[in-house]
Amino acid sequence: MTSRLNKTPDRLWCTDNSAPLREFDYSTPMLPALTATIFDYLPANVTWKYFEHGYCFLRLFADHTFDTANIVSLDDPESGFAAVARRGELPNVSFIDPHLHRPAAGSEL
């Protein structure tokens, strides 16, 4: 989702999950700010949807926690991936969040 790691309170790169999260400001490396995702860098004229299974990882980023315009349930009968594809209305960028919490689940690789 992002190419930058968060920083620890002492401004070191966070390399494990035990450190409290600090956001990173891309314009001023020494100041904390919200971490941007790949979706934040898409041009305004590029449409996108993130199809989730339950509560997806993208919702952990502050700008997308309550994003109902771009994040939708994968299996929603009206706005899910299959329904939108069937109508020929897929956006320019479609991301399907893998369902990794079921037996025989695959990975995104």
Protein backbone atom coordinates (compact mmCIF):
# COMPACT_ATOMS: atom_id res chain seq x y z
CA MET A 1 0.00 0.00 0.00
CA THR A 2 2.92 2.34 0.64
CA SER A 3 6.62 2.35 -0.08
CA ARG A 4 7.65 4.03 3.17
CA LEU A 5 7.91 2.62 6.65
CA ASN A 6 6.49 4.46 9.62
CA LYS A 7 8.89 5.99 12.12
CA THR A 8 9.34 5.22 15.79
CA PRO A 9 8.99 8.06 18.36
CA ASP A 10 12.78 8.51 18.23
CA ARG A 11 12.53 8.98 14.43
CA LEU A 12 14.06 5.65 13.42
CA TRP A 13 12.49 3.53 10.68
CA CYS A 14 10.01 1.10 12.20
CA THR A 15 11.22 -2.42 11.40
CA ASP A 16 8.84 -4.49 13.52
CA ASN A 17 5.25 -4.41 14.72
CA SER A 18 6.07 -3.66 18.35
CA ALA A 19 6.87 0.05 17.92
CA PRO A 20 4.06 2.63 18.26
CA LEU A 21 3.09 3.91 14.82
CA ARG A 22 4.20 7.35 13.68
CA GLU A 23 3.12 8.67 10.31
CA PHE A 24 5.65 9.93 7.76
CA ASP A 25 5.52 13.26 5.89
CA TYR A 26 6.93 12.86 2.38
CA SER A 27 7.64 16.56 1.97
CA THR A 28 9.53 17.07 5.23
CA PRO A 29 11.27 13.87 6.39
CA MET A 30 11.62 15.02 10.01
CA LEU A 31 7.94 15.88 10.56
CA PRO A 32 5.20 13.31 11.14
CA ALA A 33 2.17 13.30 8.85
CA LEU A 34 -0.21 10.75 7.38
CA THR A 35 1.38 7.97 5.35
CA ALA A 36 0.19 8.07 1.75
CA THR A 37 -0.82 4.95 -0.16
CA ILE A 38 -0.48 4.08 -3.82
CA PHE A 39 -4.09 5.18 -4.30
CA ASP A 40 -3.27 8.70 -3.05
CA TYR A 41 -0.84 9.12 -5.95
CA LEU A 42 -3.30 8.27 -8.72
CA PRO A 43 -4.14 11.26 -10.94
CA ALA A 44 -7.59 12.76 -10.34
CA ASN A 45 -8.85 11.50 -13.72
CA VAL A 46 -8.00 7.86 -12.88
CA THR A 47 -10.90 6.00 -11.27
CA TRP A 48 -10.27 3.23 -8.76
CA LYS A 49 -11.98 0.73 -6.49
CA TYR A 50 -10.63 -1.47 -3.71
CA PHE A 51 -12.74 -4.60 -3.37
CA GLU A 52 -12.49 -5.87 0.21
CA HIS A 53 -13.26 -9.06 2.14
CA GLY A 54 -14.59 -7.74 5.43
CA TYR A 55 -12.54 -4.89 6.89
CA CYS A 56 -9.52 -4.45 4.61
CA PHE A 57 -5.97 -3.31 5.31
CA LEU A 58 -6.46 -0.05 3.38
CA ARG A 59 -8.91 1.12 6.05
CA LEU A 60 -6.00 1.30 8.51
CA PHE A 61 -4.82 4.44 6.67
CA ALA A 62 -6.59 7.54 8.00
CA ASP A 63 -7.65 8.92 4.62
CA HIS A 64 -9.40 5.65 3.76
CA THR A 65 -10.90 4.48 7.06
CA PHE A 66 -14.41 5.64 6.11
CA ASP A 67 -13.98 5.70 2.31
CA THR A 68 -17.24 4.26 0.97
CA ALA A 69 -16.79 5.74 -2.50
CA ASN A 70 -13.69 3.71 -3.41
CA ILE A 71 -13.73 0.78 -0.98
CA VAL A 72 -16.55 -1.71 -1.44
CA SER A 73 -17.30 -5.28 -0.44
CA LEU A 74 -16.05 -7.74 -3.05
CA ASP A 75 -19.28 -9.73 -3.04
CA ASP A 76 -21.80 -6.88 -2.78
CA PRO A 77 -24.63 -7.71 -5.22
CA GLU A 78 -24.78 -4.14 -6.59
CA SER A 79 -21.27 -2.69 -6.22
CA GLY A 80 -19.05 -5.78 -5.81
CA PHE A 81 -16.45 -6.82 -8.36
CA ALA A 82 -18.59 -9.35 -10.27
CA ALA A 83 -21.59 -7.00 -10.45
CA VAL A 84 -19.53 -4.04 -11.68
CA ALA A 85 -17.60 -6.21 -14.18
CA ARG A 86 -20.83 -7.73 -15.51
CA ARG A 87 -22.13 -4.22 -16.23
CA GLY A 88 -18.84 -3.24 -17.91
CA GLU A 89 -18.24 -0.49 -15.33
CA LEU A 90 -14.89 -1.45 -13.82
CA PRO A 91 -12.74 1.56 -12.92
CA ASN A 92 -9.30 2.24 -14.41
CA VAL A 93 -7.66 0.55 -11.39
CA SER A 94 -9.25 -2.39 -9.56
CA PHE A 95 -7.62 -3.98 -6.52
CA ILE A 96 -9.05 -7.14 -4.99
CA ASP A 97 -7.99 -7.59 -1.38
CA PRO A 98 -7.07 -11.26 -0.98
CA HIS A 99 -9.11 -13.26 1.51
CA LEU A 100 -6.30 -14.65 3.66
CA HIS A 101 -8.39 -15.76 6.65
CA ARG A 102 -9.94 -18.93 5.33
CA PRO A 103 -8.63 -22.47 4.89
CA ALA A 104 -6.75 -22.92 1.61
CA ALA A 105 -6.41 -19.14 1.23
CA GLY A 106 -3.75 -17.97 -1.16
CA SER A 107 -1.58 -14.91 -0.98
CA GLU A 108 -1.34 -11.85 -3.16
CA LEU A 109 1.84 -13.20 -4.80
